[in-house]
Amino acid sequence: MKDAYIKMRNSKAVNFQLLYTYATERGMTLDPSMFMNGIQFVDINEIIDNLDKEFGLTRLYDKVGNFIKIVE
């Protein structure tokens, strides 16, 4: 899961299927359509920030603060 997450982050695109898989592995029981309906009401950046911390990842930014990539 961690490698897939890093690949998603470095692609700079959110893979909602990956987030759904992560959530179900941790006990979430919503079906995919309910998950997609619900996730639109949360701050995706907060979720990403929490997952970066959970996986112990380091974020690299350029000097103006733009995200470059994730490293371990």
PDB file of N, CA and C in Angstrom:
ATOM      1  N   MET A   1       0.823  -1.193   0.000  1.00  0.00           N
ATOM      2  CA  MET A   1       0.000   0.000   0.000  1.00  0.00           C
ATOM      3  C   MET A   1       0.869   1.260   0.000  1.00  0.00           C
ATOM      4  N   LYS A   2       1.931   1.252   0.778  1.00  0.00           N
ATOM      5  CA  LYS A   2       2.784   2.433   0.879  1.00  0.00           C
ATOM      6  C   LYS A   2       3.401   2.788  -0.471  1.00  0.00           C
ATOM      7  N   ASP A   3       3.899   1.789  -1.196  1.00  0.00           N
ATOM      8  CA  ASP A   3       4.509   2.062  -2.503  1.00  0.00           C
ATOM      9  C   ASP A   3       3.494   2.627  -3.486  1.00  0.00           C
ATOM     10  N   ALA A   4       2.280   2.077  -3.481  1.00  0.00           N
ATOM     11  CA  ALA A   4       1.221   2.587  -4.365  1.00  0.00           C
ATOM     12  C   ALA A   4       0.851   4.010  -3.989  1.00  0.00           C
ATOM     13  N   TYR A   5       0.835   4.290  -2.699  1.00  0.00           N
ATOM     14  CA  TYR A   5       0.521   5.641  -2.233  1.00  0.00           C
ATOM     15  C   TYR A   5       1.592   6.634  -2.679  1.00  0.00           C
ATOM     16  N   ILE A   6       2.866   6.259  -2.535  1.00  0.00           N
ATOM     17  CA  ILE A   6       3.962   7.136  -2.972  1.00  0.00           C
ATOM     18  C   ILE A   6       3.858   7.403  -4.477  1.00  0.00           C
ATOM     19  N   LYS A   7       3.557   6.367  -5.238  1.00  0.00           N
ATOM     20  CA  LYS A   7       3.406   6.519  -6.690  1.00  0.00           C
ATOM     21  C   LYS A   7       2.258   7.490  -6.998  1.00  0.00           C
ATOM     22  N   MET A   8       1.153   7.362  -6.266  1.00  0.00           N
ATOM     23  CA  MET A   8       0.023   8.270  -6.460  1.00  0.00           C
ATOM     24  C   MET A   8       0.435   9.706  -6.149  1.00  0.00           C
ATOM     25  N   ARG A   9       1.097   9.910  -5.022  1.00  0.00           N
ATOM     26  CA  ARG A   9       1.516  11.262  -4.618  1.00  0.00           C
ATOM     27  C   ARG A   9       2.458  11.874  -5.633  1.00  0.00           C
ATOM     28  N   ASN A  10       3.404  11.079  -6.127  1.00  0.00           N
ATOM     29  CA  ASN A  10       4.375  11.613  -7.080  1.00  0.00           C
ATOM     30  C   ASN A  10       3.766  11.865  -8.457  1.00  0.00           C
ATOM     31  N   SER A  11       2.626  11.246  -8.743  1.00  0.00           N
ATOM     32  CA  SER A  11       1.928  11.521 -10.000  1.00  0.00           C
ATOM     33  C   SER A  11       1.136  12.830  -9.911  1.00  0.00           C
ATOM     34  N   LYS A  12       0.992  13.346  -8.679  1.00  0.00           N
ATOM     35  CA  LYS A  12       0.266  14.590  -8.407  1.00  0.00           C
ATOM     36  C   LYS A  12      -1.203  14.505  -8.802  1.00  0.00           C
ATOM     37  N   ALA A  13      -1.754  13.306  -8.727  1.00  0.00           N
ATOM     38  CA  ALA A  13      -3.170  13.067  -8.987  1.00  0.00           C
ATOM     39  C   ALA A  13      -3.708  12.148  -7.899  1.00  0.00           C
ATOM     40  N   VAL A  14      -4.901  12.435  -7.420  1.00  0.00           N
ATOM     41  CA  VAL A  14      -5.501  11.621  -6.364  1.00  0.00           C
ATOM     42  C   VAL A  14      -6.178  10.407  -6.991  1.00  0.00           C
ATOM     43  N   ASN A  15      -5.823   9.228  -6.506  1.00  0.00           N
ATOM     44  CA  ASN A  15      -6.440   7.979  -6.934  1.00  0.00           C
ATOM     45  C   ASN A  15      -7.449   7.584  -5.859  1.00  0.00           C
ATOM     46  N   PHE A  16      -8.712   7.866  -6.106  1.00  0.00           N
ATOM     47  CA  PHE A  16      -9.738   7.605  -5.107  1.00  0.00           C
ATOM     48  C   PHE A  16      -9.935   6.115  -4.862  1.00  0.00           C
ATOM     49  N   GLN A  17      -9.659   5.286  -5.855  1.00  0.00           N
ATOM     50  CA  GLN A  17      -9.743   3.834  -5.653  1.00  0.00           C
ATOM     51  C   GLN A  17      -8.695   3.394  -4.628  1.00  0.00           C
ATOM     52  N   LEU A  18      -7.509   3.958  -4.702  1.00  0.00           N
ATOM     53  CA  LEU A  18      -6.463   3.637  -3.733  1.00  0.00           C
ATOM     54  C   LEU A  18      -6.877   4.082  -2.328  1.00  0.00           C
ATOM     55  N   LEU A  19      -7.448   5.266  -2.210  1.00  0.00           N
ATOM     56  CA  LEU A  19      -7.916   5.741  -0.911  1.00  0.00           C
ATOM     57  C   LEU A  19      -9.050   4.871  -0.382  1.00  0.00           C
ATOM     58  N   TYR A  20      -9.920   4.410  -1.273  1.00  0.00           N
ATOM     59  CA  TYR A  20     -11.002   3.508  -0.872  1.00  0.00           C
ATOM     60  C   TYR A  20     -10.431   2.193  -0.356  1.00  0.00           C
ATOM     61  N   THR A  21      -9.460   1.642  -1.076  1.00  0.00           N
ATOM     62  CA  THR A  21      -8.815   0.396  -0.648  1.00  0.00           C
ATOM     63  C   THR A  21      -8.165   0.573   0.710  1.00  0.00           C
ATOM     64  N   TYR A  22      -7.465   1.671   0.902  1.00  0.00           N
ATOM     65  CA  TYR A  22      -6.832   1.962   2.188  1.00  0.00           C
ATOM     66  C   TYR A  22      -7.882   1.988   3.303  1.00  0.00           C
ATOM     67  N   ALA A  23      -8.983   2.689   3.048  1.00  0.00           N
ATOM     68  CA  ALA A  23     -10.033   2.815   4.067  1.00  0.00           C
ATOM     69  C   ALA A  23     -10.677   1.464   4.387  1.00  0.00           C
ATOM     70  N   THR A  24     -10.922   0.651   3.375  1.00  0.00           N
ATOM     71  CA  THR A  24     -11.541  -0.653   3.636  1.00  0.00           C
ATOM     72  C   THR A  24     -10.595  -1.587   4.373  1.00  0.00           C
ATOM     73  N   GLU A  25      -9.303  -1.459   4.113  1.00  0.00           N
ATOM     74  CA  GLU A  25      -8.327  -2.266   4.845  1.00  0.00           C
ATOM     75  C   GLU A  25      -8.284  -1.902   6.327  1.00  0.00           C
ATOM     76  N   ARG A  26      -8.771  -0.726   6.648  1.00  0.00           N
ATOM     77  CA  ARG A  26      -8.791  -0.275   8.041  1.00  0.00           C
ATOM     78  C   ARG A  26     -10.184  -0.320   8.644  1.00  0.00           C
ATOM     79  N   GLY A  27     -11.076  -1.062   8.003  1.00  0.00           N
ATOM     80  CA  GLY A  27     -12.375  -1.337   8.600  1.00  0.00           C
ATOM     81  C   GLY A  27     -13.566  -0.568   8.083  1.00  0.00           C
ATOM     82  N   MET A  28     -13.382   0.325   7.123  1.00  0.00           N
ATOM     83  CA  MET A  28     -14.520   1.054   6.578  1.00  0.00           C
ATOM     84  C   MET A  28     -15.417   0.093   5.815  1.00  0.00           C
ATOM     85  N   THR A  29     -16.726   0.241   5.969  1.00  0.00           N
ATOM     86  CA  THR A  29     -17.655  -0.702   5.344  1.00  0.00           C
ATOM     87  C   THR A  29     -18.557  -0.071   4.284  1.00  0.00           C
ATOM     88  N   LEU A  30     -18.304   1.175   3.908  1.00  0.00           N
ATOM     89  CA  LEU A  30     -19.115   1.812   2.863  1.00  0.00           C
ATOM     90  C   LEU A  30     -18.842   1.169   1.513  1.00  0.00           C
ATOM     91  N   ASP A  31     -19.875   1.138   0.669  1.00  0.00           N
ATOM     92  CA  ASP A  31     -19.632   0.666  -0.693  1.00  0.00           C
ATOM     93  C   ASP A  31     -18.955   1.794  -1.475  1.00  0.00           C
ATOM     94  N   PRO A  32     -18.349   1.490  -2.625  1.00  0.00           N
ATOM     95  CA  PRO A  32     -17.587   2.505  -3.370  1.00  0.00           C
ATOM     96  C   PRO A  32     -18.369   3.767  -3.718  1.00  0.00           C
ATOM     97  N   SER A  33     -19.625   3.637  -4.092  1.00  0.00           N
ATOM     98  CA  SER A  33     -20.392   4.825  -4.468  1.00  0.00           C
ATOM     99  C   SER A  33     -20.661   5.723  -3.257  1.00  0.00           C
ATOM    100  N   MET A  34     -20.930   5.137  -2.107  1.00  0.00           N
ATOM    101  CA  MET A  34     -21.136   5.936  -0.891  1.00  0.00           C
ATOM    102  C   MET A  34     -19.834   6.607  -0.479  1.00  0.00           C
ATOM    103  N   PHE A  35     -18.719   5.905  -0.645  1.00  0.00           N
ATOM    104  CA  PHE A  35     -17.414   6.486  -0.339  1.00  0.00           C
ATOM    105  C   PHE A  35     -17.164   7.707  -1.221  1.00  0.00           C
ATOM    106  N   MET A  36     -17.406   7.567  -2.519  1.00  0.00           N
ATOM    107  CA  MET A  36     -17.179   8.675  -3.448  1.00  0.00           C
ATOM    108  C   MET A  36     -18.110   9.853  -3.144  1.00  0.00           C
ATOM    109  N   ASN A  37     -19.337   9.567  -2.747  1.00  0.00           N
ATOM    110  CA  ASN A  37     -20.254  10.647  -2.381  1.00  0.00           C
ATOM    111  C   ASN A  37     -19.773  11.360  -1.130  1.00  0.00           C
ATOM    112  N   GLY A  38     -19.255  10.626  -0.166  1.00  0.00           N
ATOM    113  CA  GLY A  38     -18.814  11.210   1.090  1.00  0.00           C
ATOM    114  C   GLY A  38     -17.500  11.956   1.000  1.00  0.00           C
ATOM    115  N   ILE A  39     -16.583  11.466   0.185  1.00  0.00           N
ATOM    116  CA  ILE A  39     -15.242  12.062   0.144  1.00  0.00           C
ATOM    117  C   ILE A  39     -15.253  13.472  -0.443  1.00  0.00           C
ATOM    118  N   GLN A  40     -16.295  13.799  -1.187  1.00  0.00           N
ATOM    119  CA  GLN A  40     -16.369  15.152  -1.743  1.00  0.00           C
ATOM    120  C   GLN A  40     -16.639  16.205  -0.671  1.00  0.00           C
ATOM    121  N   PHE A  41     -17.004  15.770   0.537  1.00  0.00           N
ATOM    122  CA  PHE A  41     -17.302  16.713   1.622  1.00  0.00           C
ATOM    123  C   PHE A  41     -16.160  16.846   2.625  1.00  0.00           C
ATOM    124  N   VAL A  42     -15.037  16.215   2.363  1.00  0.00           N
ATOM    125  CA  VAL A  42     -13.887  16.315   3.259  1.00  0.00           C
ATOM    126  C   VAL A  42     -12.764  17.081   2.563  1.00  0.00           C
ATOM    127  N   ASP A  43     -11.830  17.556   3.360  1.00  0.00           N
ATOM    128  CA  ASP A  43     -10.671  18.255   2.820  1.00  0.00           C
ATOM    129  C   ASP A  43      -9.635  17.200   2.416  1.00  0.00           C
ATOM    130  N   ILE A  44      -9.504  16.956   1.131  1.00  0.00           N
ATOM    131  CA  ILE A  44      -8.601  15.922   0.639  1.00  0.00           C
ATOM    132  C   ILE A  44      -7.160  16.216   1.033  1.00  0.00           C
ATOM    133  N   ASN A  45      -6.800  17.495   1.143  1.00  0.00           N
ATOM    134  CA  ASN A  45      -5.439  17.853   1.543  1.00  0.00           C
ATOM    135  C   ASN A  45      -5.146  17.417   2.976  1.00  0.00           C
ATOM    136  N   GLU A  46      -6.148  17.450   3.823  1.00  0.00           N
ATOM    137  CA  GLU A  46      -5.980  16.984   5.202  1.00  0.00           C
ATOM    138  C   GLU A  46      -5.768  15.474   5.237  1.00  0.00           C
ATOM    139  N   ILE A  47      -6.511  14.753   4.417  1.00  0.00           N
ATOM    140  CA  ILE A  47      -6.340  13.300   4.328  1.00  0.00           C
ATOM    141  C   ILE A  47      -4.935  12.983   3.834  1.00  0.00           C
ATOM    142  N   ILE A  48      -4.497  13.662   2.779  1.00  0.00           N
ATOM    143  CA  ILE A  48      -3.164  13.448   2.216  1.00  0.00           C
ATOM    144  C   ILE A  48      -2.089  13.753   3.261  1.00  0.00           C
ATOM    145  N   ASP A  49      -2.257  14.850   3.980  1.00  0.00           N
ATOM    146  CA  ASP A  49      -1.292  15.220   5.011  1.00  0.00           C
ATOM    147  C   ASP A  49      -1.194  14.131   6.083  1.00  0.00           C
ATOM    148  N   ASN A  50      -2.339  13.628   6.528  1.00  0.00           N
ATOM    149  CA  ASN A  50      -2.345  12.567   7.539  1.00  0.00           C
ATOM    150  C   ASN A  50      -1.705  11.278   7.026  1.00  0.00           C
ATOM    151  N   LEU A  51      -1.978  10.926   5.778  1.00  0.00           N
ATOM    152  CA  LEU A  51      -1.384   9.705   5.219  1.00  0.00           C
ATOM    153  C   LEU A  51       0.127   9.861   5.036  1.00  0.00           C
ATOM    154  N   ASP A  52       0.570  11.038   4.616  1.00  0.00           N
ATOM    155  CA  ASP A  52       2.010  11.282   4.498  1.00  0.00           C
ATOM    156  C   ASP A  52       2.685  11.047   5.854  1.00  0.00           C
ATOM    157  N   LYS A  53       2.076  11.556   6.911  1.00  0.00           N
ATOM    158  CA  LYS A  53       2.632  11.383   8.254  1.00  0.00           C
ATOM    159  C   LYS A  53       2.569   9.927   8.699  1.00  0.00           C
ATOM    160  N   GLU A  54       1.443   9.276   8.452  1.00  0.00           N
ATOM    161  CA  GLU A  54       1.291   7.873   8.855  1.00  0.00           C
ATOM    162  C   GLU A  54       2.337   6.985   8.195  1.00  0.00           C
ATOM    163  N   PHE A  55       2.616   7.232   6.918  1.00  0.00           N
ATOM    164  CA  PHE A  55       3.596   6.432   6.201  1.00  0.00           C
ATOM    165  C   PHE A  55       5.030   6.915   6.437  1.00  0.00           C
ATOM    166  N   GLY A  56       5.201   8.001   7.184  1.00  0.00           N
ATOM    167  CA  GLY A  56       6.530   8.512   7.502  1.00  0.00           C
ATOM    168  C   GLY A  56       7.269   9.054   6.294  1.00  0.00           C
ATOM    169  N   LEU A  57       6.554   9.769   5.437  1.00  0.00           N
ATOM    170  CA  LEU A  57       7.132  10.262   4.190  1.00  0.00           C
ATOM    171  C   LEU A  57       7.613  11.697   4.323  1.00  0.00           C
ATOM    172  N   THR A  58       8.570  12.049   3.495  1.00  0.00           N
ATOM    173  CA  THR A  58       9.102  13.408   3.449  1.00  0.00           C
ATOM    174  C   THR A  58       8.658  14.043   2.142  1.00  0.00           C
ATOM    175  N   ARG A  59       8.131  15.252   2.245  1.00  0.00           N
ATOM    176  CA  ARG A  59       7.684  15.996   1.069  1.00  0.00           C
ATOM    177  C   ARG A  59       8.766  16.978   0.660  1.00  0.00           C
ATOM    178  N   LEU A  60       9.066  17.014  -0.619  1.00  0.00           N
ATOM    179  CA  LEU A  60      10.023  17.980  -1.151  1.00  0.00           C
ATOM    180  C   LEU A  60       9.257  19.083  -1.878  1.00  0.00           C
ATOM    181  N   TYR A  61       9.665  20.328  -1.595  1.00  0.00           N
ATOM    182  CA  TYR A  61       9.057  21.502  -2.227  1.00  0.00           C
ATOM    183  C   TYR A  61      10.145  22.341  -2.876  1.00  0.00           C
ATOM    184  N   ASP A  62       9.773  23.095  -3.913  1.00  0.00           N
ATOM    185  CA  ASP A  62      10.738  24.031  -4.495  1.00  0.00           C
ATOM    186  C   ASP A  62      10.782  25.283  -3.622  1.00  0.00           C
ATOM    187  N   LYS A  63      11.608  26.249  -3.991  1.00  0.00           N
ATOM    188  CA  LYS A  63      11.804  27.403  -3.116  1.00  0.00           C
ATOM    189  C   LYS A  63      10.608  28.339  -3.026  1.00  0.00           C
ATOM    190  N   VAL A  64       9.623  28.181  -3.908  1.00  0.00           N
ATOM    191  CA  VAL A  64       8.404  28.973  -3.769  1.00  0.00           C
ATOM    192  C   VAL A  64       7.260  28.193  -3.122  1.00  0.00           C
ATOM    193  N   GLY A  65       7.561  26.974  -2.674  1.00  0.00           N
ATOM    194  CA  GLY A  65       6.581  26.187  -1.938  1.00  0.00           C
ATOM    195  C   GLY A  65       5.721  25.246  -2.753  1.00  0.00           C
ATOM    196  N   ASN A  66       6.074  25.014  -4.020  1.00  0.00           N
ATOM    197  CA  ASN A  66       5.345  24.070  -4.844  1.00  0.00           C
ATOM    198  C   ASN A  66       5.838  22.651  -4.593  1.00  0.00           C
ATOM    199  N   PHE A  67       4.904  21.726  -4.450  1.00  0.00           N
ATOM    200  CA  PHE A  67       5.233  20.321  -4.225  1.00  0.00           C
ATOM    201  C   PHE A  67       6.039  19.764  -5.398  1.00  0.00           C
ATOM    202  N   ILE A  68       7.136  19.061  -5.089  1.00  0.00           N
ATOM    203  CA  ILE A  68       7.951  18.414  -6.110  1.00  0.00           C
ATOM    204  C   ILE A  68       7.672  16.918  -6.112  1.00  0.00           C
ATOM    205  N   LYS A  69       7.979  16.264  -4.968  1.00  0.00           N
ATOM    206  CA  LYS A  69       7.745  14.831  -4.885  1.00  0.00           C
ATOM    207  C   LYS A  69       7.863  14.355  -3.444  1.00  0.00           C
ATOM    208  N   ILE A  70       7.506  13.083  -3.265  1.00  0.00           N
ATOM    209  CA  ILE A  70       7.605  12.392  -1.978  1.00  0.00           C
ATOM    210  C   ILE A  70       8.846  11.524  -1.994  1.00  0.00           C
ATOM    211  N   VAL A  71       9.562  11.524  -0.873  1.00  0.00           N
ATOM    212  CA  VAL A  71      10.682  10.599  -0.693  1.00  0.00           C
ATOM    213  C   VAL A  71      10.496   9.896   0.653  1.00  0.00           C
ATOM    214  N   GLU A  72      11.126   8.749   0.782  1.00  0.00           N
ATOM    215  CA  GLU A  72      11.043   8.016   2.049  1.00  0.00           C
ATOM    216  C   GLU A  72      12.131   8.449   2.985  1.00  0.00           C
TER     217      GLU A  72
END
